[in-house]
């Protein structure tokens, strides 16, 4: 019998392969491996330093266990070599599937070849794994939409669409080794670039290329230092009106730097500062009038998507995808299932309580 990957490749190469569209998205070919009972799934998460990834890990485990699977959850603690060793161990232990949120998107080619040789299903979780054909599926949020929601908030709060300006803005981007960084940044710049071109938005530092803006490991203290340097170098006689930040941890670092320079007072209010992941400290910051916005990605839904995808494939069923072509990892377009994020600010943060993501007590 052909193994799962060979069977999928053979199906994809035949003219008779038929994919249907359902209410939940395009269906994708199933696996030749069929199990009546759950197996064991290895889950590799990037770090325990972010509240978001702790929630992801717990949610993936709960979703898989509810479907009868055993789980092995590991955290790489922002060390690509440690994560590589962890995944190697999971492959050696003979797991049936791997769900991987990569620390370094380009460092896993060798271990994923070993996973392919062992016929282990590989799902790239939230961060697309690059440079290998041995990734079966990708589950994430619409990452360009995340960037557009951050930029849209800046446009709305500054009144740019009404012709107001000019305003001073500084730009931050995510980790250079995270493939999502370019999607967040490109989504934001699609909306902001016309206002930069018209000079309604001005970047006093002149730092507008993504290579100048990245924040290794999404690190808040690194972002705080860069923001402090920007303030010292470019804002002696001007004020910051907005900061495009792609992630709440970066936003908190930016806000700390701003506060140290006197922002947050009645005469010098905080600029518009965006974010992502609706982390509890940042939601509290939004309620308190510090951070202006975050993008909520309900990782419980993302965990469910990864779990039902594993269950479908291991049991030989077709699985849902809604993007077949747009997430090319340099070797192939990885079939993807994308969820929709939601912009959160002071006007609608209660949705996080309504949806059961936080309690009202936690937000006080």
Protein backbone atom coordinates (compact mmCIF):
# COMPACT_ATOMS: atom_id res chain seq x y z
CA UNK A 1 0.00 0.00 0.00
CA UNK A 2 1.17 3.51 -0.75
CA UNK A 3 1.91 5.56 2.30
CA UNK A 4 -0.16 8.62 3.05
CA UNK A 5 2.02 11.19 1.28
CA UNK A 6 2.49 9.07 -1.84
CA UNK A 7 -1.24 8.51 -2.01
CA UNK A 8 -1.98 12.20 -1.69
CA UNK A 9 0.52 13.05 -4.40
CA UNK A 10 -0.97 10.44 -6.70
CA UNK A 11 -4.46 11.78 -6.11
CA UNK A 12 -3.36 15.35 -6.71
CA UNK A 13 -1.83 14.37 -10.04
CA UNK A 14 -4.93 12.76 -11.49
CA UNK A 15 -7.55 14.59 -13.47
CA UNK A 16 -10.24 12.68 -11.67
CA UNK A 17 -9.51 14.33 -8.32
CA UNK A 18 -12.66 16.25 -7.43
CA UNK A 19 -12.81 18.81 -4.67
CA UNK A 20 -16.13 20.14 -3.49
CA UNK A 21 -16.97 23.38 -1.74
CA UNK A 22 -18.91 23.23 1.48
CA UNK A 23 -20.27 25.94 3.75
CA UNK A 24 -17.08 25.68 5.80
CA UNK A 25 -14.72 25.90 2.85
CA UNK A 26 -13.11 23.73 0.20
CA UNK A 27 -12.74 20.08 1.08
CA UNK A 28 -9.38 18.42 0.60
CA UNK A 29 -8.33 14.88 -0.13
CA UNK A 30 -8.17 12.48 2.78
CA UNK A 31 -5.51 10.02 3.89
CA UNK A 32 -5.15 6.35 3.04
CA UNK A 33 -4.33 5.78 6.69
CA UNK A 34 -7.56 5.12 8.55
CA UNK A 35 -7.95 4.68 12.28
CA UNK A 36 -11.06 3.82 14.19
CA UNK A 37 -9.42 5.01 17.39
CA UNK A 38 -7.22 7.98 18.15
CA UNK A 39 -3.46 7.75 18.15
CA UNK A 40 -0.83 10.05 19.65
CA UNK A 41 -0.22 13.61 18.51
CA UNK A 42 2.93 15.56 19.22
CA UNK A 43 2.43 19.30 19.76
CA UNK A 44 5.42 21.63 19.50
CA UNK A 45 4.76 25.18 20.69
CA UNK A 46 7.34 27.99 20.51
CA UNK A 47 7.45 29.55 23.97
CA UNK A 48 6.01 29.71 27.46
CA UNK A 49 6.92 33.38 27.82
CA UNK A 50 3.74 34.49 26.02
CA UNK A 51 0.31 34.02 27.53
CA UNK A 52 -1.03 33.41 24.05
CA UNK A 53 1.08 30.25 23.45
CA UNK A 54 0.21 28.78 26.83
CA UNK A 55 -3.45 29.09 25.85
CA UNK A 56 -2.74 27.52 22.46
CA UNK A 57 -1.00 24.53 23.96
CA UNK A 58 -3.72 23.88 26.51
CA UNK A 59 -6.47 24.32 23.92
CA UNK A 60 -4.88 21.98 21.37
CA UNK A 61 -4.44 19.30 24.03
CA UNK A 62 -8.05 19.64 25.18
CA UNK A 63 -9.43 19.55 21.64
CA UNK A 64 -7.46 16.44 20.71
CA UNK A 65 -8.24 14.60 23.94
CA UNK A 66 -11.94 15.28 23.39
CA UNK A 67 -11.56 13.31 20.14
CA UNK A 68 -9.83 10.38 21.81
CA UNK A 69 -6.18 11.22 21.12
CA UNK A 70 -3.20 11.04 23.42
CA UNK A 71 -0.97 14.10 23.34
CA UNK A 72 2.64 15.04 23.95
CA UNK A 73 3.04 18.81 24.39
CA UNK A 74 6.46 20.46 24.32
CA UNK A 75 7.60 24.09 24.42
CA UNK A 76 10.78 25.26 22.71
CA UNK A 77 11.20 28.37 24.91
CA UNK A 78 12.29 30.52 21.95
CA UNK A 79 15.27 28.25 21.20
CA UNK A 80 15.16 26.84 17.63
CA UNK A 81 17.72 24.14 18.45
CA UNK A 82 15.73 23.03 21.47
CA UNK A 83 12.55 22.83 19.42
CA UNK A 84 14.33 20.84 16.72
CA UNK A 85 15.51 18.32 19.34
CA UNK A 86 11.99 18.10 20.76
CA UNK A 87 10.49 17.35 17.36
CA UNK A 88 13.21 14.78 16.66
CA UNK A 89 12.24 13.05 19.91
CA UNK A 90 8.55 13.08 19.00
CA UNK A 91 9.34 11.50 15.61
CA UNK A 92 11.49 8.85 17.31
CA UNK A 93 8.65 8.11 19.72
CA UNK A 94 6.42 7.25 16.78
CA UNK A 95 3.67 9.84 17.09
CA UNK A 96 0.93 9.65 14.46
CA UNK A 97 0.83 13.39 13.78
CA UNK A 98 2.74 16.56 14.54
CA UNK A 99 1.24 20.01 15.14
CA UNK A 100 4.10 22.51 14.98
CA UNK A 101 4.22 26.25 15.69
CA UNK A 102 7.77 26.84 14.53
CA UNK A 103 10.24 29.14 16.25
CA UNK A 104 12.46 29.32 13.17
CA UNK A 105 10.34 28.65 10.10
CA UNK A 106 13.34 27.54 8.02
CA UNK A 107 15.11 25.14 10.39
CA UNK A 108 12.97 22.01 10.26
CA UNK A 109 13.65 20.52 6.83
CA UNK A 110 15.73 17.58 8.06
CA UNK A 111 13.46 16.48 10.89
CA UNK A 112 10.37 16.80 8.73
CA UNK A 113 11.97 14.54 6.14
CA UNK A 114 12.30 11.95 8.89
CA UNK A 115 8.66 12.54 9.80
CA UNK A 116 7.70 11.99 6.15
CA UNK A 117 9.73 8.79 6.01
CA UNK A 118 7.79 7.58 9.06
CA UNK A 119 4.47 8.61 7.44
CA UNK A 120 3.72 11.13 10.19
CA UNK A 121 1.11 13.77 9.39
CA UNK A 122 2.51 17.32 9.76
CA UNK A 123 0.32 20.36 10.36
CA UNK A 124 1.94 23.78 10.46
CA UNK A 125 0.19 25.69 13.23
CA UNK A 126 -0.26 29.47 12.91
CA UNK A 127 3.29 29.97 11.56
CA UNK A 128 3.96 28.51 8.12
CA UNK A 129 6.98 26.19 8.01
CA UNK A 130 9.21 27.11 5.07
CA UNK A 131 11.51 25.32 2.65
CA UNK A 132 10.12 21.81 2.80
CA UNK A 133 7.57 19.75 0.92
CA UNK A 134 6.88 17.71 4.04
CA UNK A 135 4.18 19.95 5.46
CA UNK A 136 0.71 18.58 4.80
CA UNK A 137 -1.57 21.40 5.95
CA UNK A 138 -1.53 24.83 7.50
CA UNK A 139 -4.02 26.22 10.03
CA UNK A 140 -3.93 29.88 10.96
CA UNK A 141 -5.79 33.15 10.93
CA UNK A 142 -6.00 35.44 7.93
CA UNK A 143 -2.74 37.19 8.74
CA UNK A 144 -2.99 39.94 6.15
CA UNK A 145 -6.39 40.78 7.65
CA UNK A 146 -4.67 41.16 11.03
CA UNK A 147 -2.41 43.82 9.53
CA UNK A 148 -5.31 45.52 7.78
CA UNK A 149 -7.26 45.70 11.04
CA UNK A 150 -4.31 47.30 12.81
CA UNK A 151 -3.84 49.83 10.02
CA UNK A 152 -7.57 50.44 9.76
CA UNK A 153 -7.68 51.39 13.43
CA UNK A 154 -4.91 53.95 12.93
CA UNK A 155 -6.70 55.39 9.90
CA UNK A 156 -9.96 55.68 11.82
CA UNK A 157 -8.51 57.15 15.02
CA UNK A 158 -6.44 59.77 13.19
CA UNK A 159 -9.21 60.67 10.75
CA UNK A 160 -6.98 60.05 7.76
CA UNK A 161 -9.86 59.14 5.46
CA UNK A 162 -11.34 62.56 6.24
CA UNK A 163 -8.18 64.29 5.08
CA UNK A 164 -6.69 65.05 8.49
CA UNK A 165 -2.94 65.24 9.00
CA UNK A 166 -0.05 65.27 8.80
CA UNK A 167 0.68 62.89 11.67
CA UNK A 168 3.92 61.29 12.85
CA UNK A 169 4.00 57.51 12.89
CA UNK A 170 6.64 54.88 13.63
CA UNK A 171 6.45 51.31 12.36
CA UNK A 172 7.30 48.02 14.06
CA UNK A 173 7.31 44.52 12.58
CA UNK A 174 7.49 41.04 14.07
CA UNK A 175 10.29 38.51 14.26
CA UNK A 176 12.35 38.13 11.08
CA UNK A 177 12.28 34.31 11.34
CA UNK A 178 8.46 34.15 11.54
CA UNK A 179 6.80 33.87 8.14
CA UNK A 180 3.69 35.61 9.49
CA UNK A 181 5.66 38.83 9.94
CA UNK A 182 5.53 39.68 6.26
CA UNK A 183 1.77 39.04 6.07
CA UNK A 184 1.04 41.31 9.04
CA UNK A 185 3.30 44.03 7.65
CA UNK A 186 2.09 43.79 4.06
CA UNK A 187 -1.54 43.86 5.18
CA UNK A 188 -0.90 47.02 7.19
CA UNK A 189 1.09 48.75 4.48
CA UNK A 190 -1.57 48.04 1.84
CA UNK A 191 -3.74 50.50 3.76
CA UNK A 192 -1.12 52.88 5.17
CA UNK A 193 1.05 53.39 2.10
CA UNK A 194 -1.35 55.79 0.32
CA UNK A 195 -1.28 58.06 3.39
CA UNK A 196 2.51 57.89 3.51
CA UNK A 197 2.61 58.78 -0.17
CA UNK A 198 0.29 61.77 0.38
CA UNK A 199 2.32 62.89 3.43
CA UNK A 200 -0.71 62.65 5.73
CA UNK A 201 1.48 60.15 7.57
CA UNK A 202 5.15 60.93 8.10
CA UNK A 203 7.82 58.62 9.51
CA UNK A 204 10.38 61.01 11.04
CA UNK A 205 12.98 58.26 11.49
CA UNK A 206 12.70 57.31 7.82
CA UNK A 207 12.59 53.65 8.83
CA UNK A 208 9.93 52.11 6.59
CA UNK A 209 11.50 48.93 5.17
CA UNK A 210 10.50 45.74 6.95
CA UNK A 211 14.17 44.80 7.39
CA UNK A 212 14.61 47.95 9.50
CA UNK A 213 11.56 47.25 11.64
CA UNK A 214 11.69 43.61 12.70
CA UNK A 215 11.75 42.59 16.38
CA UNK A 216 13.61 39.30 16.99
CA UNK A 217 11.51 36.76 18.89
CA UNK A 218 8.73 39.37 19.16
CA UNK A 219 10.57 40.58 22.25
CA UNK A 220 9.03 43.45 24.23
CA UNK A 221 12.28 44.75 25.80
CA UNK A 222 13.87 44.84 22.33
CA UNK A 223 10.93 46.89 21.07
CA UNK A 224 11.19 49.16 24.13
CA UNK A 225 14.86 49.89 23.40
CA UNK A 226 14.17 50.65 19.75
CA UNK A 227 11.29 52.96 20.65
CA UNK A 228 13.49 54.75 23.19
CA UNK A 229 16.16 55.22 20.54
CA UNK A 230 13.59 56.60 18.09
CA UNK A 231 12.30 59.07 20.67
CA UNK A 232 15.81 60.23 21.52
CA UNK A 233 16.89 60.53 17.92
CA UNK A 234 13.84 61.99 16.20
CA UNK A 235 11.33 63.41 18.65
CA UNK A 236 13.10 66.16 20.58
CA UNK A 237 10.79 68.76 19.07
CA UNK A 238 7.87 66.67 17.81
CA UNK A 239 5.40 64.13 19.15
CA UNK A 240 4.44 60.61 18.14
CA UNK A 241 0.84 60.35 16.92
CA UNK A 242 0.71 56.63 16.13
CA UNK A 243 2.77 53.45 16.39
CA UNK A 244 2.02 50.45 14.22
CA UNK A 245 2.76 47.48 16.46
CA UNK A 246 1.98 43.93 15.28
CA UNK A 247 1.83 42.22 18.70
CA UNK A 248 0.79 43.07 22.25
CA UNK A 249 4.17 42.25 23.80
CA UNK A 250 5.84 44.67 21.41
CA UNK A 251 3.11 47.22 22.18
CA UNK A 252 3.77 47.03 25.90
CA UNK A 253 7.47 47.64 25.28
CA UNK A 254 6.63 50.62 23.07
CA UNK A 255 4.29 52.05 25.70
CA UNK A 256 6.94 51.71 28.42
CA UNK A 257 9.37 53.71 26.30
CA UNK A 258 6.74 56.35 25.60
CA UNK A 259 5.83 56.64 29.27
CA UNK A 260 9.47 57.15 30.21
CA UNK A 261 9.46 60.19 27.89
CA UNK A 262 6.39 61.74 29.52
CA UNK A 263 3.62 60.31 27.35
CA UNK A 264 0.42 59.34 29.11
CA UNK A 265 -0.19 62.67 30.81
CA UNK A 266 -3.07 65.08 30.19
CA UNK A 267 -0.82 67.37 28.18
CA UNK A 268 0.95 64.58 26.33
CA UNK A 269 -1.46 61.69 25.70
CA UNK A 270 -0.35 58.32 24.42
CA UNK A 271 -0.33 57.95 20.65
CA UNK A 272 -2.49 55.39 18.88
CA UNK A 273 -0.75 52.06 19.53
CA UNK A 274 -2.02 48.87 17.90
CA UNK A 275 -1.41 45.24 18.87
CA UNK A 276 -2.34 41.62 18.39
CA UNK A 277 -3.42 38.56 20.41
CA UNK A 278 -5.65 40.27 23.01
CA UNK A 279 -3.29 39.31 25.82
CA UNK A 280 -4.75 40.06 29.23
CA UNK A 281 -2.27 42.84 30.22
CA UNK A 282 -2.91 44.58 26.91
CA UNK A 283 -6.68 44.32 27.15
CA UNK A 284 -6.44 45.88 30.60
CA UNK A 285 -4.18 48.53 29.06
CA UNK A 286 -6.83 49.27 26.44
CA UNK A 287 -9.50 49.64 29.11
CA UNK A 288 -7.17 51.99 31.01
CA UNK A 289 -6.64 54.17 27.92
CA UNK A 290 -3.01 53.26 27.22
CA UNK A 291 -2.87 50.81 24.31
CA UNK A 292 -5.47 51.73 21.72
CA UNK A 293 -6.26 48.46 19.93
CA UNK A 294 -5.46 44.76 19.65
CA UNK A 295 -6.49 42.03 17.24
CA UNK A 296 -8.30 39.12 18.86
CA UNK A 297 -7.52 35.70 17.46
CA UNK A 298 -9.58 33.12 19.31
CA UNK A 299 -6.96 30.41 19.62
CA UNK A 300 -9.56 28.02 20.99
CA UNK A 301 -11.03 27.98 17.48
CA UNK A 302 -7.58 27.56 15.96
CA UNK A 303 -6.90 24.62 18.26
CA UNK A 304 -10.22 23.05 17.27
CA UNK A 305 -9.35 23.47 13.60
CA UNK A 306 -6.01 21.70 14.07
CA UNK A 307 -7.69 18.92 16.04
CA UNK A 308 -10.45 18.19 13.55
CA UNK A 309 -7.92 18.33 10.72
CA UNK A 310 -5.79 15.67 12.45
CA UNK A 311 -8.89 13.59 13.15
CA UNK A 312 -10.12 13.84 9.56
CA UNK A 313 -6.80 12.86 8.00
CA UNK A 314 -5.94 10.02 10.37
CA UNK A 315 -9.41 8.56 9.93
CA UNK A 316 -9.32 8.82 6.15
CA UNK A 317 -11.90 11.55 5.76
CA UNK A 318 -11.73 14.62 3.56
CA UNK A 319 -10.84 17.72 5.53
CA UNK A 320 -11.80 21.36 5.06
CA UNK A 321 -9.52 23.96 3.54
CA UNK A 322 -10.39 27.45 2.35
CA UNK A 323 -7.09 28.54 0.79
CA UNK A 324 -5.18 26.23 -1.52
CA UNK A 325 -2.80 28.57 -3.35
CA UNK A 326 -1.78 31.63 -1.31
CA UNK A 327 0.52 30.08 1.31
CA UNK A 328 3.55 28.93 -0.65
CA UNK A 329 6.42 27.87 1.60
CA UNK A 330 9.04 28.02 -1.13
CA UNK A 331 8.57 24.40 -2.15
CA UNK A 332 4.82 24.08 -2.51
CA UNK A 333 1.54 25.82 -1.85
CA UNK A 334 0.41 24.36 1.46
CA UNK A 335 -3.36 23.76 1.71
CA UNK A 336 -4.65 26.02 4.45
CA UNK A 337 -7.63 26.63 6.67
CA UNK A 338 -7.79 30.26 7.79
CA UNK A 339 -9.93 31.81 10.52
CA UNK A 340 -11.03 35.43 10.78
CA UNK A 341 -9.57 37.76 13.45
CA UNK A 342 -11.44 40.59 15.18
CA UNK A 343 -10.30 44.12 16.02
CA UNK A 344 -10.74 44.99 19.70
CA UNK A 345 -10.63 48.45 21.28
CA UNK A 346 -12.26 50.25 24.19
CA UNK A 347 -15.64 50.25 22.45
CA UNK A 348 -16.05 46.49 22.11
CA UNK A 349 -13.68 44.68 24.50
CA UNK A 350 -16.71 43.21 26.30
CA UNK A 351 -16.95 40.65 23.49
CA UNK A 352 -14.01 38.88 25.13
CA UNK A 353 -16.16 38.32 28.21
CA UNK A 354 -19.25 37.43 26.21
CA UNK A 355 -17.28 34.78 24.31
CA UNK A 356 -15.87 33.36 27.54
CA UNK A 357 -12.26 34.18 26.68
CA UNK A 358 -11.87 36.25 29.85
CA UNK A 359 -14.04 36.84 32.88
CA UNK A 360 -15.19 40.33 33.85
CA UNK A 361 -13.14 39.92 37.04
CA UNK A 362 -9.96 39.25 35.06
CA UNK A 363 -10.38 42.50 33.15
CA UNK A 364 -10.60 44.64 36.29
